[in-house]
Structure formats: C-alpha cells, structure tokens
Amino acid sequence: MAAKDYKICPALFNAYIAKISKKDPNLMTDDRREITEEEILSLIDWWLDKNADEGEHGMMFESGEREGMNVVLKFKKKE
C-alpha cells in the first residue's frame, strides 16, 4: 500500500491517518492510526518555526463548522 492511499481524517473526537474505503469514500477502513495531540502540536510548532520570519501570519478555516473564522498569529521575540 502506498502512502498516497492514506489521508488525514478528522472524526468526532479524534483525527486519524487512515485508508479510505473504496466502496464508500466517506468511510475509513480499519487500517488507521490515531494522530496524537503531541504530533499535532509538533506540526503546529514546525509550521510556526517555518513562518516565524514573516512577523504576522493568518490562517483561514474552510471546514463547514468554522468557515469564515480567521486566526491571526503575531510573532514576538523571546525576552
């Protein structure tokens, strides 16, 4: 199985890296792994480090639940 067969699938209480069912693309197969909070926070930390030189950066949510919400991040140097 190739890595391209797996997707990040947010569920009600958890997020998973999972293979999508070929019969129903709205379902995950049992071939899945929960993404831990530590992994999510590590990715956010990596993203912030990558974009820290811009001074201010915004994120836009596109999910139906949070559509139109903006998050603006302002970077400050550590004292």
N, C-alpha and C. Protein backbone atom coordinates (compact mmCIF):
# COMPACT_ATOMS: atom_id res chain seq x y z
N MET A 1 0.83 -1.16 0.00
CA MET A 1 0.00 0.00 0.00
C MET A 1 0.89 1.25 0.00
N ALA A 2 0.58 2.19 -0.86
CA ALA A 2 1.37 3.41 -0.98
C ALA A 2 0.89 4.47 -0.01
N ALA A 3 1.79 5.39 0.30
CA ALA A 3 1.44 6.47 1.22
C ALA A 3 0.31 7.33 0.67
N LYS A 4 0.20 7.43 -0.64
CA LYS A 4 -0.85 8.25 -1.24
C LYS A 4 -2.26 7.68 -0.99
N ASP A 5 -2.35 6.42 -0.56
CA ASP A 5 -3.64 5.80 -0.25
C ASP A 5 -4.19 6.23 1.10
N TYR A 6 -3.37 6.92 1.90
CA TYR A 6 -3.78 7.33 3.25
C TYR A 6 -4.09 8.82 3.28
N LYS A 7 -5.05 9.18 4.07
CA LYS A 7 -5.48 10.58 4.22
C LYS A 7 -5.59 10.91 5.71
N ILE A 8 -5.55 12.20 6.01
CA ILE A 8 -5.84 12.65 7.37
C ILE A 8 -7.35 12.79 7.47
N CYS A 9 -7.94 12.08 8.42
CA CYS A 9 -9.40 12.02 8.55
C CYS A 9 -9.81 12.52 9.93
N PRO A 10 -10.35 13.73 10.03
CA PRO A 10 -10.86 14.18 11.32
C PRO A 10 -12.18 13.48 11.63
N ALA A 11 -12.30 12.98 12.83
CA ALA A 11 -13.53 12.31 13.27
C ALA A 11 -14.12 13.13 14.41
N LEU A 12 -15.14 12.62 15.06
CA LEU A 12 -15.83 13.37 16.10
C LEU A 12 -14.90 13.76 17.26
N PHE A 13 -14.15 12.80 17.78
CA PHE A 13 -13.30 13.08 18.93
C PHE A 13 -11.81 12.94 18.65
N ASN A 14 -11.43 12.35 17.53
CA ASN A 14 -10.03 12.10 17.21
C ASN A 14 -9.78 12.39 15.74
N ALA A 15 -8.50 12.46 15.39
CA ALA A 15 -8.09 12.56 13.99
C ALA A 15 -7.25 11.32 13.69
N TYR A 16 -7.36 10.81 12.48
CA TYR A 16 -6.68 9.58 12.11
C TYR A 16 -5.91 9.76 10.81
N ILE A 17 -4.85 8.97 10.64
CA ILE A 17 -4.25 8.74 9.34
C ILE A 17 -4.84 7.40 8.93
N ALA A 18 -5.63 7.41 7.87
CA ALA A 18 -6.40 6.21 7.53
C ALA A 18 -6.48 6.00 6.03
N LYS A 19 -6.72 4.75 5.67
CA LYS A 19 -7.01 4.42 4.28
C LYS A 19 -8.52 4.58 4.09
N ILE A 20 -8.90 5.20 2.99
CA ILE A 20 -10.31 5.44 2.69
C ILE A 20 -10.91 4.21 2.00
N SER A 21 -12.12 3.89 2.36
CA SER A 21 -12.82 2.75 1.76
C SER A 21 -13.09 3.02 0.28
N LYS A 22 -12.84 2.01 -0.56
CA LYS A 22 -13.11 2.14 -1.99
C LYS A 22 -14.61 2.07 -2.27
N LYS A 23 -15.35 1.34 -1.44
CA LYS A 23 -16.80 1.21 -1.64
C LYS A 23 -17.54 2.49 -1.25
N ASP A 24 -17.11 3.10 -0.15
CA ASP A 24 -17.76 4.33 0.31
C ASP A 24 -16.67 5.33 0.71
N PRO A 25 -16.42 6.35 -0.11
CA PRO A 25 -15.33 7.29 0.18
C PRO A 25 -15.55 8.13 1.44
N ASN A 26 -16.71 8.01 2.08
CA ASN A 26 -16.96 8.72 3.32
C ASN A 26 -16.58 7.89 4.55
N LEU A 27 -16.06 6.68 4.34
CA LEU A 27 -15.70 5.80 5.45
C LEU A 27 -14.22 5.48 5.45
N MET A 28 -13.68 5.31 6.66
CA MET A 28 -12.30 4.85 6.83
C MET A 28 -12.32 3.33 6.95
N THR A 29 -11.23 2.71 6.52
CA THR A 29 -11.09 1.27 6.76
C THR A 29 -10.52 1.07 8.16
N ASP A 30 -10.36 -0.17 8.57
CA ASP A 30 -9.75 -0.46 9.88
C ASP A 30 -8.25 -0.22 9.86
N ASP A 31 -7.69 0.01 8.67
CA ASP A 31 -6.27 0.30 8.53
C ASP A 31 -6.07 1.79 8.81
N ARG A 32 -5.99 2.13 10.10
CA ARG A 32 -5.87 3.53 10.50
C ARG A 32 -5.10 3.64 11.80
N ARG A 33 -4.60 4.87 12.04
CA ARG A 33 -3.87 5.14 13.27
C ARG A 33 -4.28 6.52 13.76
N GLU A 34 -4.55 6.62 15.05
CA GLU A 34 -4.93 7.89 15.63
C GLU A 34 -3.73 8.83 15.66
N ILE A 35 -3.96 10.09 15.30
CA ILE A 35 -2.93 11.12 15.39
C ILE A 35 -2.99 11.67 16.81
N THR A 36 -1.87 11.63 17.50
CA THR A 36 -1.86 12.07 18.89
C THR A 36 -1.81 13.60 18.98
N GLU A 37 -2.20 14.11 20.12
CA GLU A 37 -2.16 15.55 20.36
C GLU A 37 -0.73 16.06 20.26
N GLU A 38 0.22 15.27 20.75
CA GLU A 38 1.63 15.66 20.68
C GLU A 38 2.10 15.82 19.22
N GLU A 39 1.65 14.92 18.34
CA GLU A 39 2.01 15.02 16.93
C GLU A 39 1.41 16.27 16.29
N ILE A 40 0.17 16.57 16.64
CA ILE A 40 -0.49 17.76 16.10
C ILE A 40 0.23 19.02 16.57
N LEU A 41 0.55 19.09 17.86
CA LEU A 41 1.24 20.25 18.39
C LEU A 41 2.65 20.38 17.81
N SER A 42 3.31 19.26 17.55
CA SER A 42 4.62 19.29 16.91
C SER A 42 4.54 19.86 15.50
N LEU A 43 3.49 19.50 14.77
CA LEU A 43 3.30 20.05 13.43
C LEU A 43 3.00 21.54 13.47
N ILE A 44 2.20 21.96 14.44
CA ILE A 44 1.91 23.40 14.58
C ILE A 44 3.19 24.14 14.92
N ASP A 45 4.00 23.59 15.82
CA ASP A 45 5.27 24.20 16.19
C ASP A 45 6.21 24.29 14.99
N TRP A 46 6.27 23.24 14.19
CA TRP A 46 7.08 23.24 12.97
C TRP A 46 6.60 24.32 12.01
N TRP A 47 5.29 24.43 11.83
CA TRP A 47 4.72 25.41 10.91
C TRP A 47 5.02 26.83 11.38
N LEU A 48 4.91 27.06 12.69
CA LEU A 48 5.22 28.38 13.23
C LEU A 48 6.68 28.73 13.04
N ASP A 49 7.58 27.76 13.28
CA ASP A 49 9.01 28.00 13.06
C ASP A 49 9.29 28.33 11.60
N LYS A 50 8.62 27.63 10.72
CA LYS A 50 8.82 27.83 9.28
C LYS A 50 8.37 29.22 8.85
N ASN A 51 7.32 29.76 9.45
CA ASN A 51 6.75 31.03 9.04
C ASN A 51 7.04 32.18 10.00
N ALA A 52 7.91 31.96 10.96
CA ALA A 52 8.15 32.97 12.01
C ALA A 52 8.78 34.24 11.48
N ASP A 53 9.47 34.19 10.37
CA ASP A 53 10.16 35.38 9.88
C ASP A 53 9.21 36.40 9.24
N GLU A 54 7.97 36.04 9.06
CA GLU A 54 7.02 36.94 8.40
C GLU A 54 6.41 37.96 9.35
N GLY A 55 6.61 37.83 10.64
CA GLY A 55 6.09 38.80 11.59
C GLY A 55 4.65 38.57 11.98
N GLU A 56 3.78 38.42 11.03
CA GLU A 56 2.36 38.17 11.30
C GLU A 56 1.85 37.23 10.23
N HIS A 57 1.07 36.27 10.64
CA HIS A 57 0.58 35.29 9.67
C HIS A 57 -0.84 34.90 10.05
N GLY A 58 -1.65 34.66 9.07
CA GLY A 58 -3.04 34.30 9.33
C GLY A 58 -3.38 32.93 8.79
N MET A 59 -4.37 32.30 9.41
CA MET A 59 -4.89 31.03 8.94
C MET A 59 -6.38 31.20 8.72
N MET A 60 -6.90 30.54 7.71
CA MET A 60 -8.33 30.62 7.42
C MET A 60 -8.89 29.22 7.49
N PHE A 61 -9.94 29.02 8.26
CA PHE A 61 -10.60 27.73 8.34
C PHE A 61 -11.58 27.59 7.19
N GLU A 62 -11.59 26.42 6.56
CA GLU A 62 -12.51 26.20 5.45
C GLU A 62 -13.51 25.08 5.73
N SER A 63 -13.46 24.52 6.92
CA SER A 63 -14.43 23.47 7.24
C SER A 63 -15.80 24.12 7.42
N GLY A 64 -16.85 23.38 7.16
CA GLY A 64 -18.19 23.91 7.27
C GLY A 64 -18.51 24.43 8.66
N GLU A 65 -17.92 23.81 9.66
CA GLU A 65 -18.19 24.17 11.05
C GLU A 65 -17.56 25.51 11.43
N ARG A 66 -16.39 25.79 10.87
CA ARG A 66 -15.66 27.00 11.25
C ARG A 66 -15.42 27.93 10.05
N GLU A 67 -16.18 27.78 9.01
CA GLU A 67 -15.96 28.57 7.81
C GLU A 67 -16.05 30.05 8.10
N GLY A 68 -15.08 30.78 7.58
CA GLY A 68 -15.07 32.22 7.77
C GLY A 68 -14.33 32.69 9.00
N MET A 69 -13.90 31.77 9.87
CA MET A 69 -13.16 32.17 11.06
C MET A 69 -11.70 32.40 10.69
N ASN A 70 -11.11 33.45 11.19
CA ASN A 70 -9.71 33.76 10.95
C ASN A 70 -8.94 33.68 12.24
N VAL A 71 -7.72 33.19 12.15
CA VAL A 71 -6.80 33.20 13.28
C VAL A 71 -5.59 33.99 12.82
N VAL A 72 -5.24 35.03 13.57
CA VAL A 72 -4.07 35.83 13.23
C VAL A 72 -3.02 35.59 14.30
N LEU A 73 -1.83 35.23 13.86
CA LEU A 73 -0.73 34.95 14.77
C LEU A 73 0.27 36.09 14.67
N LYS A 74 0.65 36.64 15.79
CA LYS A 74 1.67 37.68 15.82
C LYS A 74 2.89 37.12 16.54
N PHE A 75 4.02 37.21 15.93
CA PHE A 75 5.24 36.65 16.50
C PHE A 75 5.97 37.70 17.31
N LYS A 76 6.41 37.29 18.51
CA LYS A 76 7.18 38.16 19.38
C LYS A 76 8.47 37.44 19.72
N LYS A 77 9.54 38.20 19.83
CA LYS A 77 10.81 37.61 20.22
C LYS A 77 10.78 37.28 21.70
N LYS A 78 11.45 36.18 22.06
CA LYS A 78 11.56 35.81 23.47
C LYS A 78 12.43 36.81 24.20
N GLU A 79 12.07 37.10 25.40
CA GLU A 79 12.86 38.05 26.20
C GLU A 79 13.79 37.33 27.12
